[in-house]
C-alpha atoms as a PDB file:
ATOM      1  CA  UNK A   1     -20.885  75.113  91.639  1.00  0.00           C
ATOM      2  CA  UNK A   2     -19.333  73.653  94.841  1.00  0.00           C
ATOM      3  CA  UNK A   3     -16.777  72.453  93.049  1.00  0.00           C
ATOM      4  CA  UNK A   4     -15.803  75.470  90.643  1.00  0.00           C
ATOM      5  CA  UNK A   5     -15.731  77.730  93.388  1.00  0.00           C
ATOM      6  CA  UNK A   6     -12.824  75.347  94.978  1.00  0.00           C
ATOM      7  CA  UNK A   7     -10.985  75.467  91.552  1.00  0.00           C
ATOM      8  CA  UNK A   8     -11.536  79.244  92.390  1.00  0.00           C
ATOM      9  CA  UNK A   9      -9.984  78.770  96.473  1.00  0.00           C
ATOM     10  CA  UNK A  10      -7.174  76.274  95.034  1.00  0.00           C
ATOM     11  CA  UNK A  11      -5.834  79.352  92.136  1.00  0.00           C
ATOM     12  CA  UNK A  12      -6.650  82.066  94.727  1.00  0.00           C
ATOM     13  CA  UNK A  13      -4.541  79.806  97.789  1.00  0.00           C
ATOM     14  CA  UNK A  14      -1.851  80.040  95.028  1.00  0.00           C
ATOM     15  CA  UNK A  15      -1.821  83.366  93.673  1.00  0.00           C
ATOM     16  CA  UNK A  16       0.316  84.785  97.179  1.00  0.00           C
ATOM     17  CA  UNK A  17       3.940  81.836  95.934  1.00  0.00           C
ATOM     18  CA  UNK A  18       3.435  82.294  92.710  1.00  0.00           C
ATOM     19  CA  UNK A  19       3.437  86.578  93.167  1.00  0.00           C
ATOM     20  CA  UNK A  20       6.202  85.690  95.905  1.00  0.00           C
ATOM     21  CA  UNK A  21       8.404  83.386  93.609  1.00  0.00           C
ATOM     22  CA  UNK A  22       8.330  85.622  91.105  1.00  0.00           C
ATOM     23  CA  UNK A  23      11.440  85.161  88.770  1.00  0.00           C
ATOM     24  CA  UNK A  24      13.217  83.538  91.051  1.00  0.00           C
ATOM     25  CA  UNK A  25      15.066  80.153  90.344  1.00  0.00           C
ATOM     26  CA  UNK A  26      14.468  76.868  92.097  1.00  0.00           C
ATOM     27  CA  UNK A  27      16.975  73.806  90.628  1.00  0.00           C
ATOM     28  CA  UNK A  28      14.420  70.332  91.194  1.00  0.00           C
ATOM     29  CA  UNK A  29      16.296  67.706  91.260  1.00  0.00           C
ATOM     30  CA  UNK A  30      13.937  64.833  89.275  1.00  0.00           C
ATOM     31  CA  UNK A  31      14.787  60.798  89.986  1.00  0.00           C
ATOM     32  CA  UNK A  32      12.806  58.546  91.551  1.00  0.00           C
ATOM     33  CA  UNK A  33       9.672  57.516  90.107  1.00  0.00           C
ATOM     34  CA  UNK A  34       8.865  60.084  89.269  1.00  0.00           C
ATOM     35  CA  UNK A  35      11.362  59.779  85.912  1.00  0.00           C
ATOM     36  CA  UNK A  36      10.403  55.924  85.292  1.00  0.00           C
ATOM     37  CA  UNK A  37       6.194  55.881  85.351  1.00  0.00           C
ATOM     38  CA  UNK A  38       4.544  57.115  82.283  1.00  0.00           C
ATOM     39  CA  UNK A  39       1.848  59.410  83.634  1.00  0.00           C
ATOM     40  CA  UNK A  40       3.933  60.956  86.911  1.00  0.00           C
ATOM     41  CA  UNK A  41       6.916  61.441  83.863  1.00  0.00           C
ATOM     42  CA  UNK A  42       3.675  63.393  82.230  1.00  0.00           C
ATOM     43  CA  UNK A  43       2.429  64.959  85.577  1.00  0.00           C
ATOM     44  CA  UNK A  44       6.176  66.146  86.506  1.00  0.00           C
ATOM     45  CA  UNK A  45       6.288  67.764  82.681  1.00  0.00           C
ATOM     46  CA  UNK A  46       2.986  70.092  83.263  1.00  0.00           C
ATOM     47  CA  UNK A  47       4.140  70.892  86.889  1.00  0.00           C
ATOM     48  CA  UNK A  48       6.975  72.113  85.454  1.00  0.00           C
ATOM     49  CA  UNK A  49       5.590  73.623  82.452  1.00  0.00           C
ATOM     50  CA  UNK A  50       2.723  75.945  85.043  1.00  0.00           C
ATOM     51  CA  UNK A  51       5.987  76.856  87.246  1.00  0.00           C
ATOM     52  CA  UNK A  52       7.874  78.069  83.797  1.00  0.00           C
ATOM     53  CA  UNK A  53       5.021  79.978  82.756  1.00  0.00           C
ATOM     54  CA  UNK A  54       4.070  81.815  86.103  1.00  0.00           C
ATOM     55  CA  UNK A  55       7.650  83.717  85.987  1.00  0.00           C
ATOM     56  CA  UNK A  56       9.799  81.036  88.192  1.00  0.00           C
ATOM     57  CA  UNK A  57      12.469  80.015  86.280  1.00  0.00           C
ATOM     58  CA  UNK A  58      13.165  75.968  86.972  1.00  0.00           C
ATOM     59  CA  UNK A  59      16.293  74.737  86.618  1.00  0.00           C
ATOM     60  CA  UNK A  60      16.850  70.585  86.671  1.00  0.00           C
ATOM     61  CA  UNK A  61      19.043  68.313  87.231  1.00  0.00           C
ATOM     62  CA  UNK A  62      18.803  64.432  86.814  1.00  0.00           C
ATOM     63  CA  UNK A  63      19.405  61.387  87.911  1.00  0.00           C
ATOM     64  CA  UNK A  64      19.063  57.818  86.305  1.00  0.00           C
ATOM     65  CA  UNK A  65      21.167  54.849  88.155  1.00  0.00           C
ATOM     66  CA  UNK A  66      18.826  52.434  87.198  1.00  0.00           C
ATOM     67  CA  UNK A  67      18.269  52.322  83.760  1.00  0.00           C
ATOM     68  CA  UNK A  68      22.802  53.003  84.059  1.00  0.00           C
ATOM     69  CA  UNK A  69      22.054  48.933  85.691  1.00  0.00           C
ATOM     70  CA  UNK A  70      19.791  47.847  82.401  1.00  0.00           C
ATOM     71  CA  UNK A  71      22.481  48.930  80.222  1.00  0.00           C
ATOM     72  CA  UNK A  72      25.743  47.806  82.331  1.00  0.00           C
ATOM     73  CA  UNK A  73      23.433  44.392  82.111  1.00  0.00           C
ATOM     74  CA  UNK A  74      22.627  44.407  78.923  1.00  0.00           C
ATOM     75  CA  UNK A  75      26.313  44.625  78.057  1.00  0.00           C
ATOM     76  CA  UNK A  76      27.197  42.447  80.400  1.00  0.00           C
ATOM     77  CA  UNK A  77      29.633  44.894  82.340  1.00  0.00           C
ATOM     78  CA  UNK A  78      30.490  44.139  85.692  1.00  0.00           C
ATOM     79  CA  UNK A  79      31.150  46.536  88.151  1.00  0.00           C
ATOM     80  CA  UNK A  80      33.099  46.827  91.335  1.00  0.00           C
ATOM     81  CA  UNK A  81      31.790  48.140  94.247  1.00  0.00           C
ATOM     82  CA  UNK A  82      33.555  49.724  97.664  1.00  0.00           C
ATOM     83  CA  UNK A  83      31.864  51.128 100.474  1.00  0.00           C
ATOM     84  CA  UNK A  84      28.307  50.837  98.816  1.00  0.00           C
ATOM     85  CA  UNK A  85      29.515  52.808  95.419  1.00  0.00           C
ATOM     86  CA  UNK A  86      29.851  51.463  91.979  1.00  0.00           C
ATOM     87  CA  UNK A  87      33.619  52.472  91.270  1.00  0.00           C
ATOM     88  CA  UNK A  88      33.352  54.083  87.846  1.00  0.00           C
ATOM     89  CA  UNK A  89      35.967  52.698  85.549  1.00  0.00           C
ATOM     90  CA  UNK A  90      36.783  54.326  81.669  1.00  0.00           C
ATOM     91  CA  UNK A  91      34.075  51.235  80.221  1.00  0.00           C
ATOM     92  CA  UNK A  92      31.084  52.727  83.074  1.00  0.00           C
ATOM     93  CA  UNK A  93      31.591  56.374  82.482  1.00  0.00           C
ATOM     94  CA  UNK A  94      31.064  55.509  78.761  1.00  0.00           C
ATOM     95  CA  UNK A  95      27.735  54.258  79.807  1.00  0.00           C
ATOM     96  CA  UNK A  96      26.894  56.485  82.115  1.00  0.00           C
ATOM     97  CA  UNK A  97      27.537  59.389  79.575  1.00  0.00           C
ATOM     98  CA  UNK A  98      25.658  57.316  76.302  1.00  0.00           C
ATOM     99  CA  UNK A  99      22.672  57.300  79.337  1.00  0.00           C
ATOM    100  CA  UNK A 100      22.205  59.619  81.331  1.00  0.00           C
ATOM    101  CA  UNK A 101      23.749  62.470  78.700  1.00  0.00           C
ATOM    102  CA  UNK A 102      21.564  60.830  76.477  1.00  0.00           C
ATOM    103  CA  UNK A 103      19.024  58.731  76.434  1.00  0.00           C
ATOM    104  CA  UNK A 104      17.567  60.114  79.787  1.00  0.00           C
ATOM    105  CA  UNK A 105      18.448  64.044  79.005  1.00  0.00           C
ATOM    106  CA  UNK A 106      16.927  64.297  75.331  1.00  0.00           C
ATOM    107  CA  UNK A 107      14.301  62.178  77.105  1.00  0.00           C
ATOM    108  CA  UNK A 108      13.299  64.638  79.003  1.00  0.00           C
ATOM    109  CA  UNK A 109      14.203  68.035  77.395  1.00  0.00           C
ATOM    110  CA  UNK A 110      11.778  66.812  74.109  1.00  0.00           C
ATOM    111  CA  UNK A 111       8.558  66.233  76.873  1.00  0.00           C
ATOM    112  CA  UNK A 112       9.071  69.240  78.082  1.00  0.00           C
ATOM    113  CA  UNK A 113       9.053  71.310  74.730  1.00  0.00           C
ATOM    114  CA  UNK A 114       6.020  68.528  73.392  1.00  0.00           C
ATOM    115  CA  UNK A 115       4.330  70.745  76.345  1.00  0.00           C
ATOM    116  CA  UNK A 116       5.114  74.186  75.345  1.00  0.00           C
ATOM    117  CA  UNK A 117       8.303  75.120  76.980  1.00  0.00           C
ATOM    118  CA  UNK A 118      12.192  75.598  75.739  1.00  0.00           C
ATOM    119  CA  UNK A 119      14.617  73.281  77.957  1.00  0.00           C
ATOM    120  CA  UNK A 120      17.634  72.460  76.460  1.00  0.00           C
ATOM    121  CA  UNK A 121      19.225  69.212  77.381  1.00  0.00           C
ATOM    122  CA  UNK A 122      23.492  69.390  78.502  1.00  0.00           C
ATOM    123  CA  UNK A 123      26.081  67.569  80.828  1.00  0.00           C
ATOM    124  CA  UNK A 124      28.696  69.126  82.622  1.00  0.00           C
ATOM    125  CA  UNK A 125      30.691  68.968  79.477  1.00  0.00           C
ATOM    126  CA  UNK A 126      28.932  71.540  77.936  1.00  0.00           C
ATOM    127  CA  UNK A 127      30.541  75.243  78.188  1.00  0.00           C
ATOM    128  CA  UNK A 128      32.037  73.269  80.586  1.00  0.00           C
ATOM    129  CA  UNK A 129      30.445  74.859  83.105  1.00  0.00           C
ATOM    130  CA  UNK A 130      30.987  71.799  86.043  1.00  0.00           C
ATOM    131  CA  UNK A 131      34.319  70.514  86.568  1.00  0.00           C
ATOM    132  CA  UNK A 132      35.604  67.956  89.529  1.00  0.00           C
ATOM    133  CA  UNK A 133      37.908  66.345  90.814  1.00  0.00           C
ATOM    134  CA  UNK A 134      38.372  62.178  91.364  1.00  0.00           C
ATOM    135  CA  UNK A 135      36.425  61.597  94.939  1.00  0.00           C
ATOM    136  CA  UNK A 136      38.458  60.916  97.702  1.00  0.00           C
ATOM    137  CA  UNK A 137      41.598  60.426  95.753  1.00  0.00           C
ATOM    138  CA  UNK A 138      40.346  58.380  92.905  1.00  0.00           C
ATOM    139  CA  UNK A 139      39.241  55.231  95.527  1.00  0.00           C
ATOM    140  CA  UNK A 140      35.500  55.214  92.941  1.00  0.00           C
ATOM    141  CA  UNK A 141      37.781  55.495  90.134  1.00  0.00           C
ATOM    142  CA  UNK A 142      35.492  58.197  87.860  1.00  0.00           C
ATOM    143  CA  UNK A 143      33.213  58.814  90.420  1.00  0.00           C
ATOM    144  CA  UNK A 144      34.177  62.644  91.147  1.00  0.00           C
ATOM    145  CA  UNK A 145      33.603  65.937  93.583  1.00  0.00           C
ATOM    146  CA  UNK A 146      32.681  69.093  92.037  1.00  0.00           C
ATOM    147  CA  UNK A 147      35.589  71.737  92.024  1.00  0.00           C
ATOM    148  CA  UNK A 148      33.852  74.646  90.234  1.00  0.00           C
ATOM    149  CA  UNK A 149      30.624  75.452  88.285  1.00  0.00           C
ATOM    150  CA  UNK A 150      30.494  78.259  85.874  1.00  0.00           C
ATOM    151  CA  UNK A 151      27.286  79.912  87.175  1.00  0.00           C
ATOM    152  CA  UNK A 152      27.106  83.015  83.866  1.00  0.00           C
ATOM    153  CA  UNK A 153      26.479  79.021  81.826  1.00  0.00           C
ATOM    154  CA  UNK A 154      23.150  79.074  83.663  1.00  0.00           C
ATOM    155  CA  UNK A 155      22.299  82.610  83.860  1.00  0.00           C
ATOM    156  CA  UNK A 156      22.507  82.767  80.281  1.00  0.00           C
ATOM    157  CA  UNK A 157      20.135  80.402  79.155  1.00  0.00           C
ATOM    158  CA  UNK A 158      17.427  81.369  81.969  1.00  0.00           C
ATOM    159  CA  UNK A 159      18.271  85.046  80.836  1.00  0.00           C
ATOM    160  CA  UNK A 160      17.435  83.887  77.104  1.00  0.00           C
ATOM    161  CA  UNK A 161      14.183  81.596  78.704  1.00  0.00           C
ATOM    162  CA  UNK A 162      15.295  77.845  78.607  1.00  0.00           C
ATOM    163  CA  UNK A 163      14.619  75.393  81.352  1.00  0.00           C
ATOM    164  CA  UNK A 164      18.415  73.932  81.267  1.00  0.00           C
ATOM    165  CA  UNK A 165      17.586  69.877  81.911  1.00  0.00           C
ATOM    166  CA  UNK A 166      21.123  68.717  83.641  1.00  0.00           C
ATOM    167  CA  UNK A 167      22.924  65.622  83.591  1.00  0.00           C
ATOM    168  CA  UNK A 168      25.169  64.984  86.528  1.00  0.00           C
ATOM    169  CA  UNK A 169      28.513  64.951  84.310  1.00  0.00           C
ATOM    170  CA  UNK A 170      31.524  66.567  84.943  1.00  0.00           C
ATOM    171  CA  UNK A 171      34.523  67.699  83.235  1.00  0.00           C
ATOM    172  CA  UNK A 172      37.905  67.168  84.266  1.00  0.00           C
ATOM    173  CA  UNK A 173      39.080  70.059  82.420  1.00  0.00           C
ATOM    174  CA  UNK A 174      42.255  67.998  80.608  1.00  0.00           C
ATOM    175  CA  UNK A 175      41.638  67.072  76.899  1.00  0.00           C
ATOM    176  CA  UNK A 176      41.034  63.623  76.675  1.00  0.00           C
ATOM    177  CA  UNK A 177      39.419  62.518  79.223  1.00  0.00           C
ATOM    178  CA  UNK A 178      36.435  60.831  80.059  1.00  0.00           C
ATOM    179  CA  UNK A 179      35.113  63.393  82.878  1.00  0.00           C
ATOM    180  CA  UNK A 180      33.298  62.448  85.695  1.00  0.00           C
ATOM    181  CA  UNK A 181      29.920  60.609  86.775  1.00  0.00           C
ATOM    182  CA  UNK A 182      28.702  62.947  89.599  1.00  0.00           C
ATOM    183  CA  UNK A 183      26.015  62.641  91.905  1.00  0.00           C
ATOM    184  CA  UNK A 184      23.121  63.840  91.278  1.00  0.00           C
ATOM    185  CA  UNK A 185      21.875  65.112  94.909  1.00  0.00           C
ATOM    186  CA  UNK A 186      25.009  66.866  95.476  1.00  0.00           C
ATOM    187  CA  UNK A 187      25.379  68.240  91.441  1.00  0.00           C
ATOM    188  CA  UNK A 188      21.431  69.626  92.371  1.00  0.00           C
ATOM    189  CA  UNK A 189      22.833  71.024  95.919  1.00  0.00           C
ATOM    190  CA  UNK A 190      26.006  72.780  94.126  1.00  0.00           C
ATOM    191  CA  UNK A 191      24.253  74.180  91.034  1.00  0.00           C
ATOM    192  CA  UNK A 192      21.477  75.802  93.752  1.00  0.00           C
ATOM    193  CA  UNK A 193      24.174  77.498  95.438  1.00  0.00           C
ATOM    194  CA  UNK A 194      26.211  78.681  92.529  1.00  0.00           C
ATOM    195  CA  UNK A 195      23.442  80.515  90.173  1.00  0.00           C
ATOM    196  CA  UNK A 196      21.933  81.416  93.622  1.00  0.00           C
ATOM    197  CA  UNK A 197      18.515  79.720  93.803  1.00  0.00           C
ATOM    198  CA  UNK A 198      15.566  80.845  96.141  1.00  0.00           C
ATOM    199  CA  UNK A 199      15.415  77.039  96.976  1.00  0.00           C
ATOM    200  CA  UNK A 200      16.297  73.264  96.007  1.00  0.00           C
ATOM    201  CA  UNK A 201      13.542  70.205  95.970  1.00  0.00           C
ATOM    202  CA  UNK A 202      14.471  66.759  95.821  1.00  0.00           C
ATOM    203  CA  UNK A 203      11.805  64.337  94.350  1.00  0.00           C
ATOM    204  CA  UNK A 204      12.571  61.012  96.236  1.00  0.00           C
ATOM    205  CA  UNK A 205       9.913  57.908  96.568  1.00  0.00           C
ATOM    206  CA  UNK A 206       9.538  58.763 100.173  1.00  0.00           C
ATOM    207  CA  UNK A 207       6.906  61.228 100.872  1.00  0.00           C
ATOM    208  CA  UNK A 208       9.695  63.235 102.803  1.00  0.00           C
ATOM    209  CA  UNK A 209      12.379  62.421 106.307  1.00  0.00           C
ATOM    210  CA  UNK A 210      10.328  60.254 108.749  1.00  0.00           C
ATOM    211  CA  UNK A 211      10.671  60.485 112.779  1.00  0.00           C
ATOM    212  CA  UNK A 212      10.502  57.334 114.735  1.00  0.00           C
ATOM    213  CA  UNK A 213       7.880  56.553 114.908  1.00  0.00           C
ATOM    214  CA  UNK A 214       7.544  57.406 111.083  1.00  0.00           C
ATOM    215  CA  UNK A 215       5.356  60.418 111.319  1.00  0.00           C
ATOM    216  CA  UNK A 216       6.424  63.512 108.731  1.00  0.00           C
ATOM    217  CA  UNK A 217       8.770  65.845 110.013  1.00  0.00           C
ATOM    218  CA  UNK A 218       7.506  68.402 108.125  1.00  0.00           C
ATOM    219  CA  UNK A 219       9.933  71.093 109.221  1.00  0.00           C
ATOM    220  CA  UNK A 220      13.840  70.942 110.394  1.00  0.00           C
ATOM    221  CA  UNK A 221      16.790  73.163 111.308  1.00  0.00           C
ATOM    222  CA  UNK A 222      20.738  71.899 110.392  1.00  0.00           C
ATOM    223  CA  UNK A 223      20.823  71.601 114.257  1.00  0.00           C
ATOM    224  CA  UNK A 224      18.205  69.292 114.752  1.00  0.00           C
ATOM    225  CA  UNK A 225      19.357  66.781 111.640  1.00  0.00           C
ATOM    226  CA  UNK A 226      22.654  66.372 113.748  1.00  0.00           C
ATOM    227  CA  UNK A 227      21.015  65.250 116.537  1.00  0.00           C
ATOM    228  CA  UNK A 228      18.168  62.844 114.533  1.00  0.00           C
ATOM    229  CA  UNK A 229      21.399  61.412 112.578  1.00  0.00           C
ATOM    230  CA  UNK A 230      23.321  60.627 116.031  1.00  0.00           C
ATOM    231  CA  UNK A 231      19.642  58.988 117.679  1.00  0.00           C
ATOM    232  CA  UNK A 232      19.682  57.187 114.245  1.00  0.00           C
ATOM    233  CA  UNK A 233      16.411  58.581 113.481  1.00  0.00           C
ATOM    234  CA  UNK A 234      17.825  60.079 110.123  1.00  0.00           C
ATOM    235  CA  UNK A 235      19.716  56.732 108.577  1.00  0.00           C
ATOM    236  CA  UNK A 236      20.577  54.436 105.957  1.00  0.00           C
ATOM    237  CA  UNK A 237      19.892  56.926 102.356  1.00  0.00           C
ATOM    238  CA  UNK A 238      18.367  59.628 104.107  1.00  0.00           C
ATOM    239  CA  UNK A 239      21.679  60.713 104.920  1.00  0.00           C
ATOM    240  CA  UNK A 240      23.220  61.941 101.987  1.00  0.00           C
ATOM    241  CA  UNK A 241      19.770  63.247 101.333  1.00  0.00           C
ATOM    242  CA  UNK A 242      20.245  65.498 103.606  1.00  0.00           C
ATOM    243  CA  UNK A 243      23.792  66.275 104.083  1.00  0.00           C
ATOM    244  CA  UNK A 244      22.694  67.594 100.408  1.00  0.00           C
ATOM    245  CA  UNK A 245      20.210  70.251 101.281  1.00  0.00           C
ATOM    246  CA  UNK A 246      22.342  70.962 104.054  1.00  0.00           C
ATOM    247  CA  UNK A 247      24.943  71.838 101.308  1.00  0.00           C
ATOM    248  CA  UNK A 248      22.999  74.153  99.496  1.00  0.00           C
ATOM    249  CA  UNK A 249      21.335  76.138 102.765  1.00  0.00           C
ATOM    250  CA  UNK A 250      24.958  76.615 103.395  1.00  0.00           C
ATOM    251  CA  UNK A 251      25.631  77.734 100.273  1.00  0.00           C
ATOM    252  CA  UNK A 252      23.187  80.431 100.278  1.00  0.00           C
ATOM    253  CA  UNK A 253      19.850  78.730  99.483  1.00  0.00           C
ATOM    254  CA  UNK A 254      17.216  80.068 101.111  1.00  0.00           C
ATOM    255  CA  UNK A 255      14.616  76.415 101.701  1.00  0.00           C
ATOM    256  CA  UNK A 256      15.287  72.604 100.525  1.00  0.00           C
ATOM    257  CA  UNK A 257      12.439  70.527 100.128  1.00  0.00           C
ATOM    258  CA  UNK A 258      12.740  66.444 100.074  1.00  0.00           C
ATOM    259  CA  UNK A 259       9.387  65.142  98.197  1.00  0.00           C
ATOM    260  CA  UNK A 260       6.989  62.041  97.230  1.00  0.00           C
ATOM    261  CA  UNK A 261       7.784  62.772  93.657  1.00  0.00           C
ATOM    262  CA  UNK A 262       5.027  59.491  93.441  1.00  0.00           C
ATOM    263  CA  UNK A 263       1.965  62.008  94.503  1.00  0.00           C
ATOM    264  CA  UNK A 264       0.973  63.725  91.056  1.00  0.00           C
ATOM    265  CA  UNK A 265       1.664  67.401  90.755  1.00  0.00           C
ATOM    266  CA  UNK A 266       4.015  67.308  94.361  1.00  0.00           C
ATOM    267  CA  UNK A 267       5.886  69.805  93.099  1.00  0.00           C
ATOM    268  CA  UNK A 268       2.692  72.146  93.010  1.00  0.00           C
ATOM    269  CA  UNK A 269       1.339  71.097  96.253  1.00  0.00           C
ATOM    270  CA  UNK A 270       5.174  71.155  97.800  1.00  0.00           C
ATOM    271  CA  UNK A 271       5.087  75.091  96.270  1.00  0.00           C
ATOM    272  CA  UNK A 272       2.015  76.526  95.794  1.00  0.00           C
ATOM    273  CA  UNK A 273      -0.266  75.668  98.107  1.00  0.00           C
ATOM    274  CA  UNK A 274       0.412  76.513 102.302  1.00  0.00           C
ATOM    275  CA  UNK A 275       0.525  72.298 103.709  1.00  0.00           C
ATOM    276  CA  UNK A 276       2.767  71.264 101.077  1.00  0.00           C
ATOM    277  CA  UNK A 277       3.764  67.776 101.523  1.00  0.00           C
ATOM    278  CA  UNK A 278       7.137  67.097 102.433  1.00  0.00           C
ATOM    279  CA  UNK A 279       9.973  67.834 105.040  1.00  0.00           C
ATOM    280  CA  UNK A 280      11.379  71.498 104.187  1.00  0.00           C
ATOM    281  CA  UNK A 281      15.315  72.309 105.749  1.00  0.00           C
ATOM    282  CA  UNK A 282      15.850  75.630 106.308  1.00  0.00           C
ATOM    283  CA  UNK A 283      18.575  77.700 108.747  1.00  0.00           C
END
C-alpha cells in the first residue's frame, strides 16, 4: 500500500508541470552515455514518449562524435586538428553525413517509432531548413556556423504530430556543396531560439555545472556564469555548453537545462519534479 501511495504522490507532483507545459516545445540535445548505453537509450525513448503523450512537443537534436571517430578509424581516414577541433574536409564530411544523418539518426527515429511515437529523422539539408557558412572563414574546413533556420519546417512537422529528430548537418544553399558539420550543442540552441521553444535541455555525462568544491549549482544566471568563467570555476568542455545555453536564453528561450543523461529517466526527473536533477540557466 505504501508503494502505491508513493506512486500516486509522484504522479500528483508531476501534474502541475504537465498542465504548465502542455503544447510547449522542448528542444532536447541528445548525446553522451544516454546515446550509447542500450538501457539508457530505451529509458530516453520512454521519457520522450511520455512527454509527447501529455502534450509536450519534443524536438531532438543529436550528436555522434564517438561513432564518427570509430568510422574514420575503420576507414583509415586521418584527421587534422586545429585548436582542438577536427578539420572537416570533403572526405570526413562524407563520413559525418553517413554516420549522423544515416545510422544514428535512423536508430533514434526507429526506437521512438517502435515505442509508439511518430518520429521523423532529418538533417538541416532537408527542406533546406538549416543553412550555414564556413566557421572562422574556413579555418576548420567544412565545420559550419548557422546563419538561418527556417522555423516553418519544424512548425509544420509539430503541427502534424511528428517528433523531429535532427542530425546537425547544415546546407550551404549551393548546388554540389557537401554541406557543413555543425556542433550539436550550438545547433540545439539555435533551433530552440528559432522555433520559439520554452526549454532547451542538454543531456551530458556530468551531473550539471559544478562549483569549485564539486557541488552542483542548480540555478545560474548569465551574470553568475560570466563570473564563474572569469575565476575558472567554469572551464574546459563546460564553457561551450554554458555558451550554448546562453545563446538560447538570449534568443528568447525561457530556460536552458544541463542534466546527467547517465541517470535513468533524467528528462522526466528534471522536467516533471520540483527538485530536478541538473543545472537550470535562466535570465
